Amino acid sequence: RPGAWRRNKCGHVYWYRFKEYAIPWYMNRRYKRKPFFTPKFVQPHI
């Protein structure tokens, strides 16, 4: 199952497995709500 390494908002790196959706990712609100980034204020805690 294809995927990619992603980083969540807590700074943890994990393997995200791709899923099939009925609409493209840029039109999918549910997919856009997933935080695939780490805020700057989390860097000291990492």
All heavy atoms as atom14 arrays in JSON, in Angstrom:
{
  "sequence": "RPGAWRRNKCGHVYWYRFKEYAIPWYMNRRYKRKPFFTPKFVQPHI",
  "atom14_mask": [
    [1, 1, 1, 1, 1, 1, 1, 1, 1, 1, 1, 0, 0, 0],
    [1, 1, 1, 1, 1, 1, 1, 0, 0, 0, 0, 0, 0, 0],
    [1, 1, 1, 1, 0, 0, 0, 0, 0, 0, 0, 0, 0, 0],
    [1, 1, 1, 1, 1, 0, 0, 0, 0, 0, 0, 0, 0, 0],
    [1, 1, 1, 1, 1, 1, 1, 1, 1, 1, 1, 1, 1, 1],
    [1, 1, 1, 1, 1, 1, 1, 1, 1, 1, 1, 0, 0, 0],
    [1, 1, 1, 1, 1, 1, 1, 1, 1, 1, 1, 0, 0, 0],
    [1, 1, 1, 1, 1, 1, 1, 1, 0, 0, 0, 0, 0, 0],
    [1, 1, 1, 1, 1, 1, 1, 1, 1, 0, 0, 0, 0, 0],
    [1, 1, 1, 1, 1, 1, 0, 0, 0, 0, 0, 0, 0, 0],
    [1, 1, 1, 1, 0, 0, 0, 0, 0, 0, 0, 0, 0, 0],
    [1, 1, 1, 1, 1, 1, 1, 1, 1, 1, 0, 0, 0, 0],
    [1, 1, 1, 1, 1, 1, 1, 0, 0, 0, 0, 0, 0, 0],
    [1, 1, 1, 1, 1, 1, 1, 1, 1, 1, 1, 1, 0, 0],
    [1, 1, 1, 1, 1, 1, 1, 1, 1, 1, 1, 1, 1, 1],
    [1, 1, 1, 1, 1, 1, 1, 1, 1, 1, 1, 1, 0, 0],
    [1, 1, 1, 1, 1, 1, 1, 1, 1, 1, 1, 0, 0, 0],
    [1, 1, 1, 1, 1, 1, 1, 1, 1, 1, 1, 0, 0, 0],
    [1, 1, 1, 1, 1, 1, 1, 1, 1, 0, 0, 0, 0, 0],
    [1, 1, 1, 1, 1, 1, 1, 1, 1, 0, 0, 0, 0, 0],
    [1, 1, 1, 1, 1, 1, 1, 1, 1, 1, 1, 1, 0, 0],
    [1, 1, 1, 1, 1, 0, 0, 0, 0, 0, 0, 0, 0, 0],
    [1, 1, 1, 1, 1, 1, 1, 1, 0, 0, 0, 0, 0, 0],
    [1, 1, 1, 1, 1, 1, 1, 0, 0, 0, 0, 0, 0, 0],
    [1, 1, 1, 1, 1, 1, 1, 1, 1, 1, 1, 1, 1, 1],
    [1, 1, 1, 1, 1, 1, 1, 1, 1, 1, 1, 1, 0, 0],
    [1, 1, 1, 1, 1, 1, 1, 1, 0, 0, 0, 0, 0, 0],
    [1, 1, 1, 1, 1, 1, 1, 1, 0, 0, 0, 0, 0, 0],
    [1, 1, 1, 1, 1, 1, 1, 1, 1, 1, 1, 0, 0, 0],
    [1, 1, 1, 1, 1, 1, 1, 1, 1, 1, 1, 0, 0, 0],
    [1, 1, 1, 1, 1, 1, 1, 1, 1, 1, 1, 1, 0, 0],
    [1, 1, 1, 1, 1, 1, 1, 1, 1, 0, 0, 0, 0, 0],
    [1, 1, 1, 1, 1, 1, 1, 1, 1, 1, 1, 0, 0, 0],
    [1, 1, 1, 1, 1, 1, 1, 1, 1, 0, 0, 0, 0, 0],
    [1, 1, 1, 1, 1, 1, 1, 0, 0, 0, 0, 0, 0, 0],
    [1, 1, 1, 1, 1, 1, 1, 1, 1, 1, 1, 0, 0, 0],
    [1, 1, 1, 1, 1, 1, 1, 1, 1, 1, 1, 0, 0, 0],
    [1, 1, 1, 1, 1, 1, 1, 0, 0, 0, 0, 0, 0, 0],
    [1, 1, 1, 1, 1, 1, 1, 0, 0, 0, 0, 0, 0, 0],
    [1, 1, 1, 1, 1, 1, 1, 1, 1, 0, 0, 0, 0, 0],
    [1, 1, 1, 1, 1, 1, 1, 1, 1, 1, 1, 0, 0, 0],
    [1, 1, 1, 1, 1, 1, 1, 0, 0, 0, 0, 0, 0, 0],
    [1, 1, 1, 1, 1, 1, 1, 1, 1, 0, 0, 0, 0, 0],
    [1, 1, 1, 1, 1, 1, 1, 0, 0, 0, 0, 0, 0, 0],
    [1, 1, 1, 1, 1, 1, 1, 1, 1, 1, 0, 0, 0, 0],
    [1, 1, 1, 1, 1, 1, 1, 1, 0, 0, 0, 0, 0, 0]
  ],
  "atom14_positions": [
    [[0.86, -1.18, 0.0], [0.0, 0.0, 0.0], [0.89, 1.23, 0.0], [1.65, 1.45, 0.94], [-0.91, -0.01, 1.22], [-1.93, 1.1, 1.26], [-2.87, 0.9, 2.42], [-3.81, 1.99, 2.56], [-4.76, 2.05, 3.51], [-4.84, 1.07, 4.38], [-5.58, 3.06, 3.58], [0.0, 0.0, 0.0], [0.0, 0.0, 0.0], [0.0, 0.0, 0.0]],
    [[0.87, 2.03, -1.03], [1.79, 3.16, -1.11], [1.53, 4.18, -0.01], [0.43, 4.3, 0.52], [1.52, 3.74, -2.5], [0.13, 3.31, -2.83], [-0.04, 1.97, -2.19], [0.0, 0.0, 0.0], [0.0, 0.0, 0.0], [0.0, 0.0, 0.0], [0.0, 0.0, 0.0], [0.0, 0.0, 0.0], [0.0, 0.0, 0.0], [0.0, 0.0, 0.0]],
    [[2.58, 4.92, 0.31], [2.46, 5.95, 1.34], [3.68, 6.84, 1.34], [4.48, 6.85, 0.39], [0.0, 0.0, 0.0], [0.0, 0.0, 0.0], [0.0, 0.0, 0.0], [0.0, 0.0, 0.0], [0.0, 0.0, 0.0], [0.0, 0.0, 0.0], [0.0, 0.0, 0.0], [0.0, 0.0, 0.0], [0.0, 0.0, 0.0], [0.0, 0.0, 0.0]],
    [[3.85, 7.59, 2.42], [4.97, 8.53, 2.53], [5.2, 8.83, 4.0], [4.29, 8.67, 4.83], [4.69, 9.82, 1.75], [0.0, 0.0, 0.0], [0.0, 0.0, 0.0], [0.0, 0.0, 0.0], [0.0, 0.0, 0.0], [0.0, 0.0, 0.0], [0.0, 0.0, 0.0], [0.0, 0.0, 0.0], [0.0, 0.0, 0.0], [0.0, 0.0, 0.0]],
    [[6.43, 9.25, 4.3], [6.75, 9.64, 5.67], [6.2, 11.04, 5.93], [6.49, 11.97, 5.21], [8.26, 9.61, 5.9], [8.84, 8.23, 5.88], [9.54, 7.65, 4.88], [8.76, 7.26, 6.93], [9.91, 6.37, 5.21], [9.44, 6.11, 6.48], [8.18, 7.25, 8.2], [9.55, 4.96, 7.26], [8.29, 6.1, 8.97], [8.98, 4.98, 8.5]],
    [[5.4, 11.16, 7.0], [4.8, 12.45, 7.36], [5.15, 12.79, 8.82], [5.55, 11.94, 9.6], [3.28, 12.4, 7.2], [2.81, 12.07, 5.78], [3.07, 13.22, 4.85], [2.68, 12.91, 3.48], [1.45, 13.08, 2.99], [0.47, 13.54, 3.78], [1.18, 12.8, 1.73], [0.0, 0.0, 0.0], [0.0, 0.0, 0.0], [0.0, 0.0, 0.0]],
    [[5.01, 14.06, 9.13], [5.26, 14.55, 10.48], [3.99, 15.2, 11.0], [3.38, 16.05, 10.34], [6.41, 15.56, 10.47], [6.86, 16.01, 11.85], [7.93, 17.09, 11.73], [9.13, 16.6, 11.09], [10.14, 16.03, 11.76], [10.07, 15.89, 13.07], [11.2, 15.61, 11.1], [0.0, 0.0, 0.0], [0.0, 0.0, 0.0], [0.0, 0.0, 0.0]],
    [[3.56, 14.79, 12.2], [2.33, 15.35, 12.76], [2.64, 16.63, 13.54], [3.78, 17.09, 13.58], [1.64, 14.31, 13.66], [2.52, 13.85, 14.8], [3.61, 14.37, 15.0], [2.05, 12.87, 15.55], [0.0, 0.0, 0.0], [0.0, 0.0, 0.0], [0.0, 0.0, 0.0], [0.0, 0.0, 0.0], [0.0, 0.0, 0.0], [0.0, 0.0, 0.0]],
    [[1.62, 17.2, 14.16], [1.79, 18.49, 14.84], [2.58, 18.39, 16.14], [3.01, 19.42, 16.69], [0.43, 19.11, 15.12], [-0.49, 18.24, 15.95], [-1.86, 18.88, 16.09], [-2.82, 17.98, 16.86], [-4.15, 18.6, 16.96], [0.0, 0.0, 0.0], [0.0, 0.0, 0.0], [0.0, 0.0, 0.0], [0.0, 0.0, 0.0], [0.0, 0.0, 0.0]],
    [[2.77, 17.14, 16.64], [3.58, 16.95, 17.84], [5.04, 16.67, 17.52], [5.86, 16.49, 18.43], [3.03, 15.81, 18.69], [1.39, 16.13, 19.36], [0.0, 0.0, 0.0], [0.0, 0.0, 0.0], [0.0, 0.0, 0.0], [0.0, 0.0, 0.0], [0.0, 0.0, 0.0], [0.0, 0.0, 0.0], [0.0, 0.0, 0.0], [0.0, 0.0, 0.0]],
    [[5.39, 16.62, 16.23], [6.77, 16.4, 15.83], [7.14, 14.95, 15.61], [8.3, 14.65, 15.3], [0.0, 0.0, 0.0], [0.0, 0.0, 0.0], [0.0, 0.0, 0.0], [0.0, 0.0, 0.0], [0.0, 0.0, 0.0], [0.0, 0.0, 0.0], [0.0, 0.0, 0.0], [0.0, 0.0, 0.0], [0.0, 0.0, 0.0], [0.0, 0.0, 0.0]],
    [[6.2, 14.02, 15.74], [6.49, 12.6, 15.53], [6.45, 12.29, 14.04], [5.54, 12.73, 13.32], [5.48, 11.72, 16.28], [5.55, 11.86, 17.76], [6.49, 11.21, 18.53], [4.8, 12.59, 18.63], [6.32, 11.51, 19.8], [5.3, 12.36, 19.9], [0.0, 0.0, 0.0], [0.0, 0.0, 0.0], [0.0, 0.0, 0.0], [0.0, 0.0, 0.0]],
    [[7.42, 11.51, 13.6], [7.48, 11.07, 12.2], [6.86, 9.68, 12.1], [7.23, 8.77, 12.86], [8.93, 11.06, 11.68], [8.98, 10.59, 10.23], [9.55, 12.44, 11.82], [0.0, 0.0, 0.0], [0.0, 0.0, 0.0], [0.0, 0.0, 0.0], [0.0, 0.0, 0.0], [0.0, 0.0, 0.0], [0.0, 0.0, 0.0], [0.0, 0.0, 0.0]],
    [[5.95, 9.5, 11.19], [5.26, 8.21, 11.04], [5.0, 7.98, 9.55], [5.1, 8.88, 8.72], [3.95, 8.21, 11.82], [2.89, 9.15, 11.3], [1.85, 8.69, 10.5], [2.93, 10.51, 11.59], [0.89, 9.55, 10.0], [1.98, 11.38, 11.11], [0.96, 10.89, 10.32], [0.02, 11.76, 9.82], [0.0, 0.0, 0.0], [0.0, 0.0, 0.0]],
    [[4.65, 6.72, 9.24], [4.38, 6.32, 7.86], [2.88, 6.47, 7.59], [2.05, 5.81, 8.21], [4.81, 4.87, 7.62], [4.51, 4.36, 6.23], [3.48, 3.57, 5.86], [5.26, 4.63, 5.05], [3.53, 3.31, 4.52], [4.62, 3.94, 3.98], [6.41, 5.36, 4.76], [5.08, 3.99, 2.68], [6.88, 5.4, 3.46], [6.22, 4.72, 2.44]],
    [[2.56, 7.35, 6.68], [1.16, 7.6, 6.32], [0.83, 6.82, 5.05], [1.48, 6.97, 4.02], [0.92, 9.09, 6.08], [-0.48, 9.41, 5.6], [-1.54, 9.4, 6.49], [-0.73, 9.69, 4.26], [-2.83, 9.69, 6.05], [-2.01, 9.97, 3.82], [-3.06, 9.97, 4.73], [-4.33, 10.24, 4.29], [0.0, 0.0, 0.0], [0.0, 0.0, 0.0]],
    [[-0.18, 5.95, 5.16], [-0.59, 5.15, 4.02], [-1.69, 5.87, 3.23], [-2.68, 6.34, 3.81], [-1.11, 3.78, 4.48], [-0.05, 2.94, 5.18], [-0.52, 1.55, 5.46], [-1.67, 1.53, 6.37], [-2.33, 0.44, 6.72], [-1.96, -0.74, 6.23], [-3.36, 0.5, 7.55], [0.0, 0.0, 0.0], [0.0, 0.0, 0.0], [0.0, 0.0, 0.0]],
    [[-1.48, 5.97, 1.95], [-2.44, 6.66, 1.1], [-3.77, 5.92, 1.04], [-3.83, 4.7, 1.13], [-1.88, 6.82, -0.32], [-0.64, 7.67, -0.38], [0.32, 7.45, -1.36], [-0.43, 8.67, 0.54], [1.46, 8.22, -1.43], [0.71, 9.45, 0.49], [1.66, 9.23, -0.5], [0.0, 0.0, 0.0], [0.0, 0.0, 0.0], [0.0, 0.0, 0.0]],
    [[-4.83, 6.7, 0.88], [-6.18, 6.17, 0.78], [-6.84, 6.68, -0.49], [-6.42, 7.68, -1.07], [-7.01, 6.58, 2.01], [-6.42, 6.15, 3.34], [-7.26, 6.64, 4.49], [-6.63, 6.27, 5.83], [-7.43, 6.8, 6.98], [0.0, 0.0, 0.0], [0.0, 0.0, 0.0], [0.0, 0.0, 0.0], [0.0, 0.0, 0.0], [0.0, 0.0, 0.0]],
    [[-7.88, 5.99, -0.88], [-8.62, 6.38, -2.07], [-9.86, 7.18, -1.64], [-10.61, 6.76, -0.76], [-9.05, 5.15, -2.88], [-7.89, 4.4, -3.51], [-8.36, 3.26, -4.39], [-9.6, 3.05, -4.44], [-7.51, 2.59, -4.98], [0.0, 0.0, 0.0], [0.0, 0.0, 0.0], [0.0, 0.0, 0.0], [0.0, 0.0, 0.0], [0.0, 0.0, 0.0]],
    [[-10.05, 8.3, -2.28], [-11.2, 9.17, -2.01], [-11.98, 9.37, -3.31], [-11.46, 9.22, -4.42], [-10.75, 10.53, -1.45], [-10.1, 10.44, -0.1], [-8.71, 10.41, 0.03], [-10.86, 10.39, 1.07], [-8.1, 10.33, 1.26], [-10.25, 10.32, 2.31], [-8.88, 10.28, 2.4], [-8.28, 10.2, 3.63], [0.0, 0.0, 0.0], [0.0, 0.0, 0.0]],
    [[-13.23, 9.73, -3.14], [-14.09, 9.92, -4.3], [-13.81, 11.25, -5.01], [-14.17, 11.41, -6.18], [-15.56, 9.87, -3.89], [0.0, 0.0, 0.0], [0.0, 0.0, 0.0], [0.0, 0.0, 0.0], [0.0, 0.0, 0.0], [0.0, 0.0, 0.0], [0.0, 0.0, 0.0], [0.0, 0.0, 0.0], [0.0, 0.0, 0.0], [0.0, 0.0, 0.0]],
    [[-13.13, 12.17, -4.3], [-12.83, 13.47, -4.89], [-11.35, 13.74, -4.73], [-10.67, 13.11, -3.92], [-13.66, 14.59, -4.21], [-13.41, 14.59, -2.69], [-15.13, 14.43, -4.51], [-14.16, 15.69, -1.96], [0.0, 0.0, 0.0], [0.0, 0.0, 0.0], [0.0, 0.0, 0.0], [0.0, 0.0, 0.0], [0.0, 0.0, 0.0], [0.0, 0.0, 0.0]],
    [[-10.77, 14.66, -5.49], [-9.34, 14.96, -5.36], [-9.02, 15.53, -3.99], [-9.88, 16.04, -3.27], [-9.1, 15.99, -6.47], [-10.21, 15.8, -7.44], [-11.39, 15.35, -6.64], [0.0, 0.0, 0.0], [0.0, 0.0, 0.0], [0.0, 0.0, 0.0], [0.0, 0.0, 0.0], [0.0, 0.0, 0.0], [0.0, 0.0, 0.0], [0.0, 0.0, 0.0]],
    [[-7.73, 15.44, -3.62], [-7.32, 15.85, -2.28], [-7.51, 17.34, -2.06], [-7.8, 17.79, -0.94], [-5.87, 15.46, -2.03], [-4.88, 16.2, -2.89], [-4.42, 15.85, -4.11], [-4.25, 17.44, -2.56], [-3.54, 16.78, -4.59], [-3.4, 17.77, -3.65], [-4.3, 18.31, -1.46], [-2.64, 18.92, -3.67], [-3.53, 19.44, -1.48], [-2.71, 19.75, -2.57]],
    [[-7.31, 18.16, -3.09], [-7.44, 19.6, -2.9], [-8.9, 20.03, -2.78], [-9.17, 21.18, -2.43], [-6.76, 20.34, -4.07], [-7.22, 19.91, -5.44], [-8.36, 20.43, -6.02], [-6.49, 18.95, -6.16], [-8.78, 20.03, -7.28], [-6.9, 18.55, -7.41], [-8.04, 19.09, -7.97], [-8.46, 18.69, -9.21], [0.0, 0.0, 0.0], [0.0, 0.0, 0.0]],
    [[-9.86, 19.13, -3.05], [-11.28, 19.43, -2.85], [-11.85, 18.73, -1.62], [-13.03, 18.94, -1.29], [-12.07, 19.0, -4.09], [-11.68, 19.73, -5.36], [-12.54, 19.1, -6.82], [-14.24, 19.36, -6.37], [0.0, 0.0, 0.0], [0.0, 0.0, 0.0], [0.0, 0.0, 0.0], [0.0, 0.0, 0.0], [0.0, 0.0, 0.0], [0.0, 0.0, 0.0]],
    [[-11.03, 17.93, -0.97], [-11.49, 17.15, 0.17], [-11.22, 17.92, 1.46], [-10.07, 18.16, 1.84], [-10.75, 15.8, 0.21], [-11.39, 14.83, 1.18], [-12.2, 15.2, 2.01], [-11.01, 13.57, 1.06], [0.0, 0.0, 0.0], [0.0, 0.0, 0.0], [0.0, 0.0, 0.0], [0.0, 0.0, 0.0], [0.0, 0.0, 0.0], [0.0, 0.0, 0.0]],
    [[-12.27, 18.38, 2.13], [-12.12, 19.14, 3.37], [-11.59, 18.28, 4.51], [-10.84, 18.75, 5.36], [-13.46, 19.75, 3.76], [-14.0, 20.76, 2.75], [-15.32, 21.32, 3.23], [-15.86, 22.29, 2.27], [-17.03, 22.91, 2.42], [-17.77, 22.68, 3.51], [-17.43, 23.77, 1.49], [0.0, 0.0, 0.0], [0.0, 0.0, 0.0], [0.0, 0.0, 0.0]],
    [[-12.01, 17.03, 4.52], [-11.54, 16.13, 5.58], [-10.04, 15.9, 5.48], [-9.35, 15.85, 6.51], [-12.3, 14.81, 5.48], [-11.94, 13.8, 6.54], [-12.73, 12.51, 6.36], [-12.34, 11.5, 7.33], [-12.83, 10.26, 7.34], [-13.71, 9.89, 6.42], [-12.43, 9.39, 8.25], [0.0, 0.0, 0.0], [0.0, 0.0, 0.0], [0.0, 0.0, 0.0]],
    [[-9.52, 15.77, 4.29], [-8.09, 15.57, 4.13], [-7.32, 16.84, 4.48], [-6.21, 16.78, 5.04], [-7.79, 15.16, 2.68], [-6.33, 14.94, 2.4], [-5.71, 13.74, 2.74], [-5.56, 15.93, 1.78], [-4.36, 13.54, 2.47], [-4.22, 15.73, 1.52], [-3.63, 14.54, 1.86], [-2.3, 14.34, 1.61], [0.0, 0.0, 0.0], [0.0, 0.0, 0.0]],
    [[-7.88, 18.0, 4.18], [-7.21, 19.26, 4.48], [-7.12, 19.53, 5.97], [-6.25, 20.28, 6.42], [-7.92, 20.42, 3.78], [-7.72, 20.44, 2.27], [-8.39, 21.66, 1.67], [-8.14, 21.74, 0.18], [-8.77, 22.94, -0.43], [0.0, 0.0, 0.0], [0.0, 0.0, 0.0], [0.0, 0.0, 0.0], [0.0, 0.0, 0.0], [0.0, 0.0, 0.0]],
    [[-8.04, 18.93, 6.76], [-8.0, 19.15, 8.21], [-6.89, 18.35, 8.89], [-6.61, 18.59, 10.08], [-9.34, 18.77, 8.82], [-10.46, 19.76, 8.52], [-11.61, 19.57, 9.48], [-12.2, 18.24, 9.37], [-13.25, 17.94, 8.61], [-13.82, 18.91, 7.87], [-13.73, 16.73, 8.57], [0.0, 0.0, 0.0], [0.0, 0.0, 0.0], [0.0, 0.0, 0.0]],
    [[-6.26, 17.41, 8.18], [-5.19, 16.63, 8.78], [-3.9, 17.46, 8.83], [-3.42, 17.93, 7.79], [-4.94, 15.35, 7.96], [-6.11, 14.39, 8.0], [-5.8, 13.12, 7.23], [-6.97, 12.15, 7.3], [-6.7, 10.9, 6.55], [0.0, 0.0, 0.0], [0.0, 0.0, 0.0], [0.0, 0.0, 0.0], [0.0, 0.0, 0.0], [0.0, 0.0, 0.0]],
    [[-3.34, 17.67, 10.03], [-2.14, 18.52, 10.14], [-0.87, 17.72, 9.82], [-0.33, 17.0, 10.67], [-2.16, 18.96, 11.6], [-2.89, 17.86, 12.32], [-3.84, 17.26, 11.35], [0.0, 0.0, 0.0], [0.0, 0.0, 0.0], [0.0, 0.0, 0.0], [0.0, 0.0, 0.0], [0.0, 0.0, 0.0], [0.0, 0.0, 0.0], [0.0, 0.0, 0.0]],
    [[-0.37, 17.87, 8.62], [0.87, 17.22, 8.23], [2.04, 18.19, 8.37], [2.9, 18.29, 7.48], [0.79, 16.71, 6.79], [-0.21, 15.61, 6.6], [-1.26, 15.78, 5.73], [-0.1, 14.41, 7.3], [-2.19, 14.76, 5.55], [-1.01, 13.4, 7.12], [-2.06, 13.57, 6.24], [0.0, 0.0, 0.0], [0.0, 0.0, 0.0], [0.0, 0.0, 0.0]],
    [[2.11, 18.9, 9.48], [3.19, 19.85, 9.71], [3.39, 19.98, 11.21], [2.55, 19.55, 12.02], [2.85, 21.23, 9.09], [1.64, 21.87, 9.7], [1.77, 22.75, 10.77], [0.37, 21.59, 9.23], [0.66, 23.35, 11.35], [-0.75, 22.19, 9.8], [-0.6, 23.06, 10.86], [0.0, 0.0, 0.0], [0.0, 0.0, 0.0], [0.0, 0.0, 0.0]],
    [[4.51, 20.59, 11.6], [4.84, 20.81, 13.0], [4.98, 22.31, 13.26], [5.79, 22.97, 12.59], [6.16, 20.11, 13.37], [6.04, 18.71, 13.08], [6.49, 20.28, 14.84], [0.0, 0.0, 0.0], [0.0, 0.0, 0.0], [0.0, 0.0, 0.0], [0.0, 0.0, 0.0], [0.0, 0.0, 0.0], [0.0, 0.0, 0.0], [0.0, 0.0, 0.0]],
    [[4.2, 22.87, 14.17], [4.32, 24.31, 14.43], [5.69, 24.67, 15.0], [6.43, 23.82, 15.52], [3.2, 24.56, 15.44], [2.26, 23.41, 15.27], [3.09, 22.25, 14.87], [0.0, 0.0, 0.0], [0.0, 0.0, 0.0], [0.0, 0.0, 0.0], [0.0, 0.0, 0.0], [0.0, 0.0, 0.0], [0.0, 0.0, 0.0], [0.0, 0.0, 0.0]],
    [[6.04, 25.93, 14.91], [7.35, 26.38, 15.37], [7.49, 26.31, 16.88], [8.58, 26.05, 17.39], [7.61, 27.82, 14.9], [7.75, 27.94, 13.39], [8.06, 29.39, 13.01], [8.24, 29.51, 11.49], [8.55, 30.92, 11.08], [0.0, 0.0, 0.0], [0.0, 0.0, 0.0], [0.0, 0.0, 0.0], [0.0, 0.0, 0.0], [0.0, 0.0, 0.0]],
    [[6.39, 26.51, 17.62], [6.52, 26.5, 19.09], [6.69, 25.08, 19.64], [6.92, 24.91, 20.84], [5.27, 27.15, 19.72], [3.98, 26.45, 19.42], [3.54, 25.38, 20.2], [3.2, 26.85, 18.35], [2.36, 24.76, 19.93], [2.0, 26.23, 18.08], [1.57, 25.17, 18.86], [0.0, 0.0, 0.0], [0.0, 0.0, 0.0], [0.0, 0.0, 0.0]],
    [[6.59, 24.05, 18.78], [6.76, 22.67, 19.23], [8.23, 22.25, 19.15], [8.63, 21.26, 19.75], [5.87, 21.72, 18.38], [5.98, 20.28, 18.86], [4.42, 22.16, 18.46], [0.0, 0.0, 0.0], [0.0, 0.0, 0.0], [0.0, 0.0, 0.0], [0.0, 0.0, 0.0], [0.0, 0.0, 0.0], [0.0, 0.0, 0.0], [0.0, 0.0, 0.0]],
    [[9.08, 22.99, 18.43], [10.47, 22.61, 18.25], [11.22, 22.45, 19.58], [11.95, 21.47, 19.77], [11.18, 23.64, 17.36], [10.63, 23.72, 15.94], [10.85, 22.43, 15.17], [11.79, 21.68, 15.46], [10.0, 22.19, 14.18], [0.0, 0.0, 0.0], [0.0, 0.0, 0.0], [0.0, 0.0, 0.0], [0.0, 0.0, 0.0], [0.0, 0.0, 0.0]],
    [[11.09, 23.36, 20.56], [11.79, 23.14, 21.84], [11.34, 21.87, 22.56], [12.15, 21.19, 23.2], [11.45, 24.4, 22.65], [11.11, 25.42, 21.63], [10.45, 24.69, 20.53], [0.0, 0.0, 0.0], [0.0, 0.0, 0.0], [0.0, 0.0, 0.0], [0.0, 0.0, 0.0], [0.0, 0.0, 0.0], [0.0, 0.0, 0.0], [0.0, 0.0, 0.0]],
    [[10.06, 21.53, 22.45], [9.57, 20.32, 23.11], [10.11, 19.05, 22.43], [10.3, 18.03, 23.1], [8.04, 20.32, 23.09], [7.43, 21.48, 23.81], [7.29, 21.52, 25.18], [6.93, 22.68, 23.35], [6.72, 22.65, 25.56], [6.48, 23.38, 24.45], [0.0, 0.0, 0.0], [0.0, 0.0, 0.0], [0.0, 0.0, 0.0], [0.0, 0.0, 0.0]],
    [[10.34, 19.13, 21.13], [10.94, 17.98, 20.45], [12.36, 17.74, 20.97], [12.76, 16.59, 21.22], [10.96, 18.23, 18.92], [9.54, 18.31, 18.38], [11.74, 17.13, 18.21], [9.47, 18.65, 16.91], [0.0, 0.0, 0.0], [0.0, 0.0, 0.0], [0.0, 0.0, 0.0], [0.0, 0.0, 0.0], [0.0, 0.0, 0.0], [0.0, 0.0, 0.0]]
  ]
}
